[in-house]
């Protein structure tokens, strides 16, 4: 994969890579659901950052879990509503396919709508516990790591927190409005390492923890330096 890039001289980037991290100030929203019908209504009406919180953010909050459902809606559908089919369908939604919350919301709404059309009795069945819609205010913070070389980038990658990895690798898709991430964008645009950038984009966030993502990025970049 990186053999051709190993043979090329490393380019001096015009811009360093600014490693940032982000914190989220969590708050409970107005929407709550005690049945699947109420979940559907709330999915249509809740603010975008609630959808973000219960999907994109779940990957960070449970980054150490290799198995289990990938979003809070799927977890609740199984644990509180005892609907494994719906839970599996909601869990199958891959956030990497979306660069806007509107598209992700529409997909979630479509899944619950279709399920309730096929299982109308499930709509009003009380859940074991309610689902409280939450949202978070994003606070982006700089880190001391601003590398302008590939070895410096690799060294910083090994030291930043998993929150920084999540910020640049997962949340970046919404910020960039493209199917990519900050690491791949910098490696391709500033270092000319297109093959390495593509390899990083292919890392599966659902079969890896964030620590595993960090290690895979490190291996890919390290191959260029070896």
N, C-alpha and C. Protein backbone atom coordinates (compact mmCIF):
# COMPACT_ATOMS: atom_id res chain seq x y z
N UNK A 1 0.82 -1.20 0.00
CA UNK A 1 0.00 0.00 0.00
C UNK A 1 0.86 1.26 0.00
N UNK A 2 1.83 1.32 0.95
CA UNK A 2 2.62 2.55 1.08
C UNK A 2 3.97 2.46 0.40
N UNK A 3 4.22 1.36 -0.31
CA UNK A 3 5.54 1.17 -0.91
C UNK A 3 5.90 2.30 -1.86
N UNK A 4 4.97 2.68 -2.74
CA UNK A 4 5.25 3.75 -3.70
C UNK A 4 5.52 5.07 -2.98
N UNK A 5 4.80 5.32 -1.91
CA UNK A 5 4.99 6.56 -1.17
C UNK A 5 6.29 6.56 -0.38
N UNK A 6 6.76 5.36 0.01
CA UNK A 6 8.04 5.27 0.71
C UNK A 6 9.19 5.73 -0.17
N UNK A 7 9.04 5.55 -1.48
CA UNK A 7 10.12 5.87 -2.41
C UNK A 7 10.18 7.36 -2.74
N UNK A 8 9.16 8.11 -2.34
CA UNK A 8 9.13 9.53 -2.66
C UNK A 8 9.70 10.34 -1.49
N UNK A 9 10.39 11.45 -1.80
CA UNK A 9 10.86 12.32 -0.72
C UNK A 9 9.67 12.98 -0.03
N UNK A 10 9.77 13.10 1.31
CA UNK A 10 8.68 13.72 2.05
C UNK A 10 8.58 15.20 1.74
N UNK A 11 7.37 15.66 1.56
CA UNK A 11 7.12 17.05 1.22
C UNK A 11 6.99 17.89 2.48
N UNK A 12 7.44 19.11 2.43
CA UNK A 12 7.26 20.04 3.54
C UNK A 12 5.88 20.64 3.43
N UNK A 13 5.04 20.46 4.43
CA UNK A 13 3.67 20.98 4.33
C UNK A 13 3.62 22.50 4.44
N UNK A 14 2.69 23.11 3.73
CA UNK A 14 2.48 24.56 3.87
C UNK A 14 1.83 24.88 5.20
N UNK A 15 1.01 23.96 5.70
CA UNK A 15 0.30 24.19 6.96
C UNK A 15 0.58 23.03 7.90
N UNK A 16 0.83 23.31 9.17
CA UNK A 16 0.98 22.22 10.15
C UNK A 16 -0.38 21.58 10.44
N UNK A 17 -0.35 20.46 11.11
CA UNK A 17 -1.60 19.85 11.55
C UNK A 17 -1.88 20.32 12.97
N UNK A 18 -3.01 20.96 13.15
CA UNK A 18 -3.40 21.46 14.47
C UNK A 18 -4.25 20.40 15.16
N UNK A 19 -3.66 19.70 16.10
CA UNK A 19 -4.42 18.74 16.89
C UNK A 19 -5.31 19.48 17.87
N UNK A 20 -6.61 19.29 17.71
CA UNK A 20 -7.57 19.86 18.65
C UNK A 20 -8.28 18.73 19.38
N UNK A 21 -8.96 19.08 20.40
CA UNK A 21 -9.83 18.14 21.08
C UNK A 21 -11.15 18.84 21.35
N UNK A 22 -12.13 18.12 21.81
CA UNK A 22 -13.43 18.75 22.05
C UNK A 22 -14.08 18.15 23.28
N UNK A 23 -14.78 18.98 23.99
CA UNK A 23 -15.58 18.55 25.13
C UNK A 23 -17.04 18.91 24.84
N UNK A 24 -17.93 18.15 25.43
CA UNK A 24 -19.35 18.35 25.18
C UNK A 24 -20.07 18.59 26.50
N UNK A 25 -20.75 19.70 26.60
CA UNK A 25 -21.51 20.04 27.80
C UNK A 25 -22.92 19.47 27.64
N UNK A 26 -23.17 18.37 28.30
CA UNK A 26 -24.40 17.62 28.11
C UNK A 26 -25.57 18.26 28.85
N UNK A 27 -26.72 18.28 28.18
CA UNK A 27 -27.94 18.78 28.82
C UNK A 27 -29.12 17.94 28.33
N UNK A 28 -30.10 17.78 29.18
CA UNK A 28 -31.30 17.02 28.83
C UNK A 28 -32.25 17.92 28.06
N UNK A 29 -32.76 17.43 26.94
CA UNK A 29 -33.66 18.21 26.10
C UNK A 29 -35.11 18.11 26.55
N UNK A 30 -35.98 18.71 25.77
CA UNK A 30 -37.41 18.71 26.11
C UNK A 30 -38.09 17.41 25.71
N UNK A 31 -37.55 16.75 24.71
CA UNK A 31 -38.21 15.56 24.18
C UNK A 31 -37.91 14.33 25.04
N UNK A 32 -38.93 13.51 25.20
CA UNK A 32 -38.77 12.21 25.85
C UNK A 32 -39.72 11.24 25.18
N UNK A 33 -39.43 9.96 25.30
CA UNK A 33 -40.27 8.95 24.67
C UNK A 33 -40.52 7.82 25.65
N UNK A 34 -41.78 7.46 25.78
CA UNK A 34 -42.15 6.32 26.61
C UNK A 34 -42.68 5.17 25.79
N UNK A 35 -42.88 5.42 24.49
CA UNK A 35 -43.31 4.39 23.54
C UNK A 35 -42.57 4.61 22.24
N UNK A 36 -42.65 3.65 21.35
CA UNK A 36 -42.00 3.79 20.05
C UNK A 36 -42.67 4.88 19.21
N UNK A 37 -43.98 5.05 19.39
CA UNK A 37 -44.67 6.13 18.68
C UNK A 37 -44.13 7.48 19.12
N UNK A 38 -43.89 7.62 20.41
CA UNK A 38 -43.32 8.87 20.91
C UNK A 38 -41.87 9.04 20.46
N UNK A 39 -41.14 7.95 20.35
CA UNK A 39 -39.77 8.03 19.83
C UNK A 39 -39.78 8.56 18.40
N UNK A 40 -40.70 8.05 17.59
CA UNK A 40 -40.79 8.50 16.21
C UNK A 40 -41.10 9.99 16.14
N UNK A 41 -42.04 10.45 16.93
CA UNK A 41 -42.39 11.86 16.94
C UNK A 41 -41.19 12.72 17.39
N UNK A 42 -40.50 12.27 18.41
CA UNK A 42 -39.36 13.03 18.90
C UNK A 42 -38.20 13.03 17.90
N UNK A 43 -38.01 11.94 17.20
CA UNK A 43 -36.97 11.89 16.18
C UNK A 43 -37.21 12.93 15.09
N UNK A 44 -38.46 13.18 14.79
CA UNK A 44 -38.80 14.18 13.77
C UNK A 44 -38.59 15.60 14.27
N UNK A 45 -38.80 15.81 15.58
CA UNK A 45 -38.87 17.18 16.11
C UNK A 45 -37.64 17.63 16.89
N UNK A 46 -36.84 16.73 17.37
CA UNK A 46 -35.72 17.10 18.24
C UNK A 46 -34.66 17.89 17.47
N UNK A 47 -33.87 18.70 18.15
CA UNK A 47 -32.82 19.46 17.46
C UNK A 47 -31.73 18.55 16.91
N UNK A 48 -31.01 19.09 15.94
CA UNK A 48 -29.95 18.31 15.29
C UNK A 48 -28.92 17.79 16.28
N UNK A 49 -28.59 18.61 17.29
CA UNK A 49 -27.54 18.16 18.19
C UNK A 49 -27.98 17.01 19.09
N UNK A 50 -29.29 16.76 19.18
CA UNK A 50 -29.74 15.56 19.88
C UNK A 50 -29.47 14.32 19.04
N UNK A 51 -29.75 14.42 17.75
CA UNK A 51 -29.44 13.30 16.86
C UNK A 51 -27.94 13.02 16.89
N UNK A 52 -27.15 14.09 16.84
CA UNK A 52 -25.70 13.94 16.89
C UNK A 52 -25.26 13.27 18.19
N UNK A 53 -25.82 13.70 19.30
CA UNK A 53 -25.44 13.18 20.62
C UNK A 53 -25.67 11.68 20.70
N UNK A 54 -26.79 11.21 20.19
CA UNK A 54 -27.17 9.81 20.38
C UNK A 54 -26.65 8.89 19.28
N UNK A 55 -25.89 9.44 18.34
CA UNK A 55 -25.31 8.61 17.26
C UNK A 55 -23.80 8.81 17.19
N UNK A 56 -23.36 9.94 16.67
CA UNK A 56 -21.93 10.21 16.54
C UNK A 56 -21.23 10.16 17.90
N UNK A 57 -21.85 10.79 18.91
CA UNK A 57 -21.21 10.86 20.22
C UNK A 57 -21.15 9.51 20.91
N UNK A 58 -22.09 8.63 20.61
CA UNK A 58 -22.08 7.31 21.23
C UNK A 58 -20.79 6.58 20.93
N UNK A 59 -20.25 6.80 19.75
CA UNK A 59 -19.01 6.12 19.38
C UNK A 59 -17.85 6.55 20.27
N UNK A 60 -17.89 7.77 20.77
CA UNK A 60 -16.84 8.22 21.67
C UNK A 60 -17.10 7.75 23.10
N UNK A 61 -18.33 7.86 23.54
CA UNK A 61 -18.64 7.50 24.91
C UNK A 61 -18.42 6.01 25.19
N UNK A 62 -18.60 5.19 24.17
CA UNK A 62 -18.44 3.74 24.32
C UNK A 62 -17.30 3.23 23.45
N UNK A 63 -16.26 4.05 23.34
CA UNK A 63 -15.16 3.71 22.43
C UNK A 63 -14.43 2.44 22.84
N UNK A 64 -14.57 2.04 24.10
CA UNK A 64 -13.85 0.86 24.58
C UNK A 64 -14.65 -0.41 24.35
N UNK A 65 -15.87 -0.32 23.83
CA UNK A 65 -16.72 -1.48 23.62
C UNK A 65 -16.58 -1.95 22.17
N UNK A 66 -16.18 -3.18 21.98
CA UNK A 66 -16.04 -3.72 20.63
C UNK A 66 -17.35 -4.30 20.10
N UNK A 67 -18.22 -4.72 21.00
CA UNK A 67 -19.48 -5.31 20.59
C UNK A 67 -20.63 -4.52 21.17
N UNK A 68 -21.81 -4.72 20.61
CA UNK A 68 -22.98 -4.00 21.10
C UNK A 68 -23.47 -3.01 20.07
N UNK A 69 -24.59 -2.39 20.36
CA UNK A 69 -25.20 -1.48 19.40
C UNK A 69 -24.47 -0.15 19.35
N UNK A 70 -24.51 0.47 18.20
CA UNK A 70 -23.67 1.62 17.92
C UNK A 70 -24.34 2.95 18.22
N UNK A 71 -25.61 2.96 18.57
CA UNK A 71 -26.26 4.23 18.90
C UNK A 71 -27.29 4.03 20.00
N UNK A 72 -27.64 5.11 20.67
CA UNK A 72 -28.53 5.03 21.84
C UNK A 72 -29.95 4.61 21.47
N UNK A 73 -30.40 4.95 20.28
CA UNK A 73 -31.75 4.57 19.87
C UNK A 73 -31.87 3.05 19.76
N UNK A 74 -30.84 2.43 19.24
CA UNK A 74 -30.83 0.96 19.13
C UNK A 74 -30.78 0.33 20.51
N UNK A 75 -29.93 0.87 21.40
CA UNK A 75 -29.84 0.34 22.76
C UNK A 75 -31.20 0.37 23.45
N UNK A 76 -31.89 1.51 23.35
CA UNK A 76 -33.18 1.67 24.02
C UNK A 76 -34.24 0.75 23.42
N UNK A 77 -34.24 0.62 22.11
CA UNK A 77 -35.23 -0.24 21.45
C UNK A 77 -35.13 -1.68 21.95
N UNK A 78 -33.92 -2.11 22.25
CA UNK A 78 -33.75 -3.47 22.76
C UNK A 78 -33.98 -3.55 24.27
N UNK A 79 -33.29 -2.71 25.02
CA UNK A 79 -33.31 -2.85 26.48
C UNK A 79 -34.62 -2.40 27.11
N UNK A 80 -35.25 -1.36 26.59
CA UNK A 80 -36.47 -0.82 27.19
C UNK A 80 -37.74 -1.26 26.48
N UNK A 81 -37.63 -1.50 25.17
CA UNK A 81 -38.83 -1.87 24.40
C UNK A 81 -38.85 -3.35 24.01
N UNK A 82 -37.75 -4.03 24.18
CA UNK A 82 -37.66 -5.46 23.86
C UNK A 82 -38.03 -5.73 22.39
N UNK A 83 -37.48 -4.89 21.52
CA UNK A 83 -37.72 -5.05 20.08
C UNK A 83 -36.37 -5.27 19.38
N UNK A 84 -35.88 -6.51 19.39
CA UNK A 84 -34.55 -6.78 18.81
C UNK A 84 -34.46 -6.51 17.31
N UNK A 85 -35.56 -6.70 16.59
CA UNK A 85 -35.52 -6.47 15.14
C UNK A 85 -35.30 -4.99 14.86
N UNK A 86 -36.06 -4.14 15.55
CA UNK A 86 -35.89 -2.70 15.37
C UNK A 86 -34.49 -2.27 15.83
N UNK A 87 -34.04 -2.83 16.93
CA UNK A 87 -32.71 -2.47 17.44
C UNK A 87 -31.63 -2.80 16.41
N UNK A 88 -31.74 -3.97 15.80
CA UNK A 88 -30.75 -4.36 14.79
C UNK A 88 -30.81 -3.41 13.59
N UNK A 89 -31.99 -3.02 13.20
CA UNK A 89 -32.13 -2.12 12.05
C UNK A 89 -31.53 -0.74 12.35
N UNK A 90 -31.80 -0.22 13.53
CA UNK A 90 -31.23 1.07 13.91
C UNK A 90 -29.72 0.99 14.06
N UNK A 91 -29.24 -0.13 14.59
CA UNK A 91 -27.81 -0.30 14.78
C UNK A 91 -27.06 -0.45 13.46
N UNK A 92 -27.78 -0.84 12.42
CA UNK A 92 -27.13 -1.04 11.12
C UNK A 92 -26.80 0.27 10.41
N UNK A 93 -27.32 1.38 10.91
CA UNK A 93 -27.06 2.68 10.29
C UNK A 93 -25.60 3.07 10.54
N UNK A 94 -24.89 3.33 9.48
CA UNK A 94 -23.47 3.66 9.55
C UNK A 94 -23.33 5.18 9.45
N UNK A 95 -22.89 5.82 10.52
CA UNK A 95 -22.79 7.28 10.51
C UNK A 95 -21.77 7.78 9.48
N UNK A 96 -20.86 6.90 9.05
CA UNK A 96 -19.87 7.31 8.06
C UNK A 96 -20.49 7.65 6.71
N UNK A 97 -21.74 7.23 6.50
CA UNK A 97 -22.41 7.49 5.23
C UNK A 97 -23.02 8.89 5.17
N UNK A 98 -22.94 9.63 6.28
CA UNK A 98 -23.64 10.92 6.34
C UNK A 98 -22.67 12.06 6.64
N UNK A 99 -22.85 13.13 5.91
CA UNK A 99 -22.07 14.35 6.17
C UNK A 99 -22.98 15.47 6.66
N UNK A 100 -24.26 15.17 6.83
CA UNK A 100 -25.22 16.12 7.38
C UNK A 100 -26.19 15.38 8.30
N UNK A 101 -26.56 16.02 9.38
CA UNK A 101 -27.48 15.41 10.35
C UNK A 101 -28.84 15.15 9.73
N UNK A 102 -29.27 16.01 8.81
CA UNK A 102 -30.60 15.85 8.20
C UNK A 102 -30.76 14.49 7.55
N UNK A 103 -29.73 14.04 6.86
CA UNK A 103 -29.80 12.73 6.21
C UNK A 103 -29.84 11.59 7.21
N UNK A 104 -29.06 11.73 8.29
CA UNK A 104 -29.06 10.70 9.34
C UNK A 104 -30.40 10.65 10.04
N UNK A 105 -30.97 11.82 10.34
CA UNK A 105 -32.30 11.86 10.97
C UNK A 105 -33.33 11.17 10.08
N UNK A 106 -33.33 11.51 8.80
CA UNK A 106 -34.30 10.94 7.88
C UNK A 106 -34.21 9.41 7.83
N UNK A 107 -32.99 8.90 7.91
CA UNK A 107 -32.82 7.45 7.87
C UNK A 107 -33.37 6.80 9.14
N UNK A 108 -33.13 7.41 10.29
CA UNK A 108 -33.66 6.88 11.55
C UNK A 108 -35.19 6.91 11.55
N UNK A 109 -35.75 8.02 11.10
CA UNK A 109 -37.21 8.15 11.02
C UNK A 109 -37.79 7.08 10.10
N UNK A 110 -37.16 6.88 8.97
CA UNK A 110 -37.64 5.89 8.00
C UNK A 110 -37.66 4.49 8.61
N UNK A 111 -36.63 4.13 9.34
CA UNK A 111 -36.55 2.80 9.95
C UNK A 111 -37.67 2.60 10.96
N UNK A 112 -37.87 3.58 11.85
CA UNK A 112 -38.91 3.43 12.87
C UNK A 112 -40.30 3.44 12.22
N UNK A 113 -40.51 4.29 11.23
CA UNK A 113 -41.80 4.33 10.52
C UNK A 113 -42.12 2.97 9.90
N UNK A 114 -41.16 2.43 9.18
CA UNK A 114 -41.38 1.14 8.51
C UNK A 114 -41.66 0.03 9.53
N UNK A 115 -40.94 0.07 10.63
CA UNK A 115 -41.13 -0.97 11.65
C UNK A 115 -42.55 -0.88 12.24
N UNK A 116 -43.00 0.33 12.54
CA UNK A 116 -44.32 0.48 13.15
C UNK A 116 -45.45 0.18 12.17
N UNK A 117 -45.20 0.39 10.90
CA UNK A 117 -46.20 0.00 9.90
C UNK A 117 -46.36 -1.52 9.86
N UNK A 118 -45.25 -2.20 10.04
CA UNK A 118 -45.28 -3.67 10.02
C UNK A 118 -45.70 -4.26 11.37
N UNK A 119 -45.48 -3.51 12.44
CA UNK A 119 -45.81 -3.99 13.79
C UNK A 119 -46.60 -2.89 14.53
N UNK A 120 -47.82 -2.61 14.11
CA UNK A 120 -48.59 -1.48 14.68
C UNK A 120 -48.84 -1.61 16.17
N UNK A 121 -48.94 -2.83 16.70
CA UNK A 121 -49.21 -3.00 18.12
C UNK A 121 -48.04 -2.53 18.98
N UNK A 122 -46.85 -2.46 18.39
CA UNK A 122 -45.67 -2.06 19.16
C UNK A 122 -45.64 -0.55 19.40
N UNK A 123 -46.44 0.21 18.65
CA UNK A 123 -46.34 1.67 18.71
C UNK A 123 -46.67 2.23 20.08
N UNK A 124 -47.73 1.73 20.72
CA UNK A 124 -48.20 2.30 21.98
C UNK A 124 -47.80 1.47 23.20
N UNK A 125 -47.04 0.41 22.99
CA UNK A 125 -46.64 -0.43 24.11
C UNK A 125 -45.65 0.32 25.00
N UNK A 126 -45.93 0.47 26.30
CA UNK A 126 -45.04 1.25 27.17
C UNK A 126 -43.65 0.63 27.27
N UNK A 127 -42.65 1.47 27.22
CA UNK A 127 -41.28 1.01 27.39
C UNK A 127 -40.99 0.76 28.86
N UNK A 128 -40.02 -0.08 29.12
CA UNK A 128 -39.64 -0.37 30.50
C UNK A 128 -39.13 0.88 31.21
N UNK A 129 -38.46 1.77 30.47
CA UNK A 129 -38.01 3.06 30.99
C UNK A 129 -38.02 4.07 29.86
N UNK A 130 -38.24 5.34 30.15
CA UNK A 130 -38.32 6.35 29.07
C UNK A 130 -36.96 6.65 28.46
N UNK A 131 -37.02 7.15 27.26
CA UNK A 131 -35.81 7.63 26.58
C UNK A 131 -35.79 9.15 26.68
N UNK A 132 -34.76 9.68 27.29
CA UNK A 132 -34.62 11.12 27.42
C UNK A 132 -33.65 11.63 26.36
N UNK A 133 -34.16 12.51 25.51
CA UNK A 133 -33.31 13.08 24.48
C UNK A 133 -32.35 14.10 25.10
N UNK A 134 -31.09 13.93 24.83
CA UNK A 134 -30.07 14.85 25.33
C UNK A 134 -29.39 15.54 24.15
N UNK A 135 -28.70 16.60 24.46
CA UNK A 135 -27.92 17.31 23.46
C UNK A 135 -26.68 17.83 24.16
N UNK A 136 -25.71 18.24 23.38
CA UNK A 136 -24.47 18.72 23.97
C UNK A 136 -23.98 19.94 23.20
N UNK A 137 -23.48 20.90 23.94
CA UNK A 137 -22.84 22.06 23.34
C UNK A 137 -21.36 21.75 23.16
N UNK A 138 -20.89 21.89 21.94
CA UNK A 138 -19.51 21.53 21.61
C UNK A 138 -18.55 22.66 21.94
N UNK A 139 -17.48 22.30 22.64
CA UNK A 139 -16.42 23.24 22.95
C UNK A 139 -15.12 22.68 22.39
N UNK A 140 -14.57 23.33 21.37
CA UNK A 140 -13.33 22.87 20.74
C UNK A 140 -12.16 23.56 21.42
N UNK A 141 -11.15 22.77 21.77
CA UNK A 141 -9.99 23.30 22.47
C UNK A 141 -8.71 22.87 21.78
N UNK A 142 -7.75 23.76 21.68
CA UNK A 142 -6.46 23.38 21.05
C UNK A 142 -5.64 22.51 22.00
N UNK A 143 -4.72 21.76 21.43
CA UNK A 143 -3.75 21.01 22.22
C UNK A 143 -2.37 21.61 21.95
N UNK A 144 -1.35 21.23 22.69
CA UNK A 144 -0.01 21.76 22.43
C UNK A 144 0.63 21.20 21.17
N UNK A 145 -0.03 20.25 20.51
CA UNK A 145 0.59 19.55 19.39
C UNK A 145 0.22 20.18 18.06
N UNK A 146 1.23 20.76 17.41
CA UNK A 146 1.04 21.40 16.10
C UNK A 146 2.20 20.98 15.20
N UNK A 147 2.25 19.72 14.78
CA UNK A 147 3.39 19.22 14.02
C UNK A 147 3.39 19.73 12.58
N UNK A 148 4.59 19.97 12.05
CA UNK A 148 4.73 20.37 10.65
C UNK A 148 5.65 19.41 9.90
N UNK A 149 5.83 18.22 10.47
CA UNK A 149 6.56 17.14 9.79
C UNK A 149 5.80 15.85 10.00
N UNK A 150 6.06 14.86 9.17
CA UNK A 150 5.38 13.58 9.34
C UNK A 150 5.82 12.86 10.61
N UNK A 151 7.11 12.83 10.95
CA UNK A 151 7.49 12.23 12.25
C UNK A 151 6.83 12.96 13.42
N UNK A 152 6.73 14.29 13.34
CA UNK A 152 6.08 15.04 14.40
C UNK A 152 4.60 14.71 14.50
N UNK A 153 3.96 14.52 13.35
CA UNK A 153 2.55 14.13 13.32
C UNK A 153 2.37 12.79 14.01
N UNK A 154 3.23 11.84 13.69
CA UNK A 154 3.12 10.51 14.26
C UNK A 154 3.35 10.55 15.77
N UNK A 155 4.31 11.34 16.22
CA UNK A 155 4.59 11.46 17.65
C UNK A 155 3.40 12.08 18.39
N UNK A 156 2.80 13.12 17.80
CA UNK A 156 1.65 13.77 18.42
C UNK A 156 0.45 12.83 18.45
N UNK A 157 0.25 12.08 17.38
CA UNK A 157 -0.86 11.14 17.30
C UNK A 157 -0.82 10.16 18.47
N UNK A 158 0.37 9.75 18.86
CA UNK A 158 0.53 8.78 19.94
C UNK A 158 0.24 9.39 21.31
N UNK A 159 0.27 10.72 21.42
CA UNK A 159 0.15 11.36 22.72
C UNK A 159 -1.22 12.00 22.99
N UNK A 160 -1.95 12.37 21.95
CA UNK A 160 -3.22 13.05 22.18
C UNK A 160 -4.25 12.07 22.76
N UNK A 161 -5.30 12.61 23.33
CA UNK A 161 -6.34 11.77 23.94
C UNK A 161 -7.24 11.17 22.86
N UNK A 162 -8.03 10.17 23.26
CA UNK A 162 -8.98 9.58 22.32
C UNK A 162 -10.06 10.58 21.94
N UNK A 163 -10.27 11.60 22.78
CA UNK A 163 -11.24 12.64 22.43
C UNK A 163 -10.77 13.41 21.19
N UNK A 164 -9.47 13.61 21.09
CA UNK A 164 -8.91 14.27 19.91
C UNK A 164 -9.05 13.38 18.68
N UNK A 165 -8.83 12.08 18.86
CA UNK A 165 -9.00 11.14 17.74
C UNK A 165 -10.44 11.19 17.24
N UNK A 166 -11.38 11.16 18.16
CA UNK A 166 -12.80 11.23 17.78
C UNK A 166 -13.10 12.53 17.06
N UNK A 167 -12.58 13.63 17.56
CA UNK A 167 -12.83 14.95 16.97
C UNK A 167 -12.35 15.00 15.53
N UNK A 168 -11.17 14.50 15.26
CA UNK A 168 -10.58 14.61 13.92
C UNK A 168 -11.00 13.49 12.97
N UNK A 169 -11.35 12.34 13.54
CA UNK A 169 -11.62 11.19 12.68
C UNK A 169 -13.11 10.97 12.42
N UNK A 170 -13.95 11.28 13.39
CA UNK A 170 -15.38 11.00 13.26
C UNK A 170 -16.19 12.28 13.08
N UNK A 171 -16.06 13.20 14.02
CA UNK A 171 -16.84 14.43 13.94
C UNK A 171 -16.47 15.27 12.73
N UNK A 172 -15.27 15.09 12.21
CA UNK A 172 -14.80 15.91 11.08
C UNK A 172 -15.69 15.76 9.85
N UNK A 173 -16.35 14.62 9.70
CA UNK A 173 -17.19 14.41 8.52
C UNK A 173 -18.29 15.46 8.42
N UNK A 174 -18.87 15.80 9.57
CA UNK A 174 -19.92 16.81 9.56
C UNK A 174 -19.33 18.20 9.31
N UNK A 175 -18.16 18.44 9.85
CA UNK A 175 -17.54 19.75 9.68
C UNK A 175 -17.04 19.95 8.25
N UNK A 176 -16.45 18.91 7.67
CA UNK A 176 -15.91 19.00 6.32
C UNK A 176 -16.99 18.85 5.26
N UNK A 177 -18.14 18.27 5.65
CA UNK A 177 -19.22 17.98 4.69
C UNK A 177 -18.72 17.08 3.57
N UNK A 178 -17.87 16.14 3.91
CA UNK A 178 -17.34 15.21 2.92
C UNK A 178 -17.03 13.88 3.60
N UNK A 179 -16.96 12.83 2.81
CA UNK A 179 -16.70 11.51 3.35
C UNK A 179 -15.22 11.33 3.62
N UNK A 180 -14.72 12.09 4.58
CA UNK A 180 -13.30 12.03 4.88
C UNK A 180 -13.09 12.41 6.34
N UNK A 181 -11.85 12.68 6.69
CA UNK A 181 -11.52 13.05 8.05
C UNK A 181 -10.33 14.00 8.01
N UNK A 182 -10.05 14.65 9.12
CA UNK A 182 -8.98 15.65 9.15
C UNK A 182 -7.61 15.05 8.87
N UNK A 183 -7.37 13.84 9.35
CA UNK A 183 -6.07 13.23 9.15
C UNK A 183 -5.81 12.96 7.67
N UNK A 184 -6.79 12.33 7.02
CA UNK A 184 -6.64 12.02 5.60
C UNK A 184 -6.52 13.29 4.77
N UNK A 185 -7.31 14.30 5.10
CA UNK A 185 -7.26 15.55 4.34
C UNK A 185 -5.87 16.18 4.41
N UNK A 186 -5.27 16.23 5.60
CA UNK A 186 -3.95 16.84 5.76
C UNK A 186 -2.87 16.02 5.08
N UNK A 187 -2.93 14.71 5.24
CA UNK A 187 -1.91 13.85 4.63
C UNK A 187 -1.92 13.94 3.11
N UNK A 188 -3.12 14.06 2.53
CA UNK A 188 -3.21 14.14 1.07
C UNK A 188 -2.87 15.54 0.57
N UNK A 189 -3.47 16.56 1.18
CA UNK A 189 -3.31 17.92 0.65
C UNK A 189 -1.96 18.54 1.00
N UNK A 190 -1.45 18.25 2.18
CA UNK A 190 -0.21 18.89 2.62
C UNK A 190 1.02 18.02 2.41
N UNK A 191 0.86 16.70 2.48
CA UNK A 191 2.00 15.81 2.36
C UNK A 191 2.02 15.04 1.04
N UNK A 192 0.92 15.09 0.29
CA UNK A 192 0.86 14.36 -0.98
C UNK A 192 0.76 12.86 -0.82
N UNK A 193 0.30 12.40 0.33
CA UNK A 193 0.24 10.96 0.62
C UNK A 193 -1.18 10.45 0.40
N UNK A 194 -1.57 10.37 -0.85
CA UNK A 194 -2.94 10.00 -1.19
C UNK A 194 -3.26 8.56 -0.77
N UNK A 195 -2.34 7.63 -1.01
CA UNK A 195 -2.61 6.24 -0.68
C UNK A 195 -2.78 6.06 0.83
N UNK A 196 -1.95 6.72 1.60
CA UNK A 196 -2.08 6.65 3.05
C UNK A 196 -3.40 7.28 3.50
N UNK A 197 -3.77 8.39 2.89
CA UNK A 197 -5.03 9.06 3.23
C UNK A 197 -6.22 8.14 2.97
N UNK A 198 -6.21 7.45 1.84
CA UNK A 198 -7.30 6.53 1.51
C UNK A 198 -7.34 5.35 2.46
N UNK A 199 -6.17 4.86 2.84
CA UNK A 199 -6.11 3.73 3.77
C UNK A 199 -6.71 4.12 5.12
N UNK A 200 -6.44 5.34 5.56
CA UNK A 200 -7.00 5.80 6.84
C UNK A 200 -8.51 5.95 6.73
N UNK A 201 -9.01 6.43 5.59
CA UNK A 201 -10.45 6.57 5.41
C UNK A 201 -11.17 5.23 5.49
N UNK A 202 -10.46 4.15 5.15
CA UNK A 202 -11.09 2.82 5.13
C UNK A 202 -11.10 2.15 6.51
N UNK A 203 -10.51 2.76 7.51
CA UNK A 203 -10.52 2.16 8.85
C UNK A 203 -11.96 2.07 9.35
N UNK A 204 -12.33 0.91 9.84
CA UNK A 204 -13.70 0.66 10.28
C UNK A 204 -13.86 1.10 11.73
N UNK A 205 -14.68 2.10 11.97
CA UNK A 205 -14.87 2.61 13.33
C UNK A 205 -15.79 1.72 14.15
N UNK A 206 -16.45 0.75 13.51
CA UNK A 206 -17.38 -0.10 14.24
C UNK A 206 -16.73 -1.39 14.73
N UNK A 207 -15.61 -1.75 14.15
CA UNK A 207 -14.91 -2.95 14.60
C UNK A 207 -13.63 -2.59 15.36
N UNK A 208 -13.41 -1.31 15.56
CA UNK A 208 -12.25 -0.84 16.29
C UNK A 208 -12.67 0.09 17.43
N UNK A 209 -11.94 0.06 18.53
CA UNK A 209 -12.08 1.11 19.52
C UNK A 209 -11.35 2.34 18.98
N UNK A 210 -11.53 3.48 19.63
CA UNK A 210 -10.79 4.67 19.21
C UNK A 210 -9.29 4.47 19.40
N UNK A 211 -8.92 3.71 20.41
CA UNK A 211 -7.50 3.39 20.59
C UNK A 211 -7.00 2.53 19.44
N UNK A 212 -7.86 1.64 18.98
CA UNK A 212 -7.50 0.83 17.82
C UNK A 212 -7.38 1.67 16.56
N UNK A 213 -8.25 2.67 16.42
CA UNK A 213 -8.15 3.59 15.29
C UNK A 213 -6.82 4.33 15.33
N UNK A 214 -6.43 4.80 16.50
CA UNK A 214 -5.16 5.50 16.65
C UNK A 214 -3.99 4.60 16.21
N UNK A 215 -4.02 3.36 16.65
CA UNK A 215 -2.94 2.43 16.33
C UNK A 215 -2.87 2.14 14.83
N UNK A 216 -4.03 2.00 14.19
CA UNK A 216 -4.04 1.75 12.76
C UNK A 216 -3.52 2.95 11.98
N UNK A 217 -3.92 4.16 12.37
CA UNK A 217 -3.39 5.35 11.71
C UNK A 217 -1.90 5.41 11.89
N UNK A 218 -1.42 5.10 13.08
CA UNK A 218 0.00 5.11 13.34
C UNK A 218 0.76 4.12 12.48
N UNK A 219 0.19 2.94 12.28
CA UNK A 219 0.86 1.95 11.43
C UNK A 219 0.91 2.41 9.98
N UNK A 220 -0.17 2.99 9.51
CA UNK A 220 -0.21 3.45 8.12
C UNK A 220 0.81 4.55 7.88
N UNK A 221 0.88 5.53 8.78
CA UNK A 221 1.84 6.62 8.63
C UNK A 221 3.25 6.11 8.86
N UNK A 222 3.40 5.19 9.80
CA UNK A 222 4.73 4.66 10.08
C UNK A 222 5.33 3.92 8.91
N UNK A 223 4.51 3.30 8.06
CA UNK A 223 5.02 2.60 6.89
C UNK A 223 5.69 3.55 5.90
N UNK A 224 5.20 4.78 5.86
CA UNK A 224 5.81 5.77 4.96
C UNK A 224 7.19 6.17 5.45
N UNK A 225 7.35 6.18 6.77
CA UNK A 225 8.62 6.63 7.35
C UNK A 225 9.67 5.51 7.40
N UNK A 226 9.23 4.27 7.35
CA UNK A 226 10.18 3.15 7.44
C UNK A 226 10.90 2.89 6.11
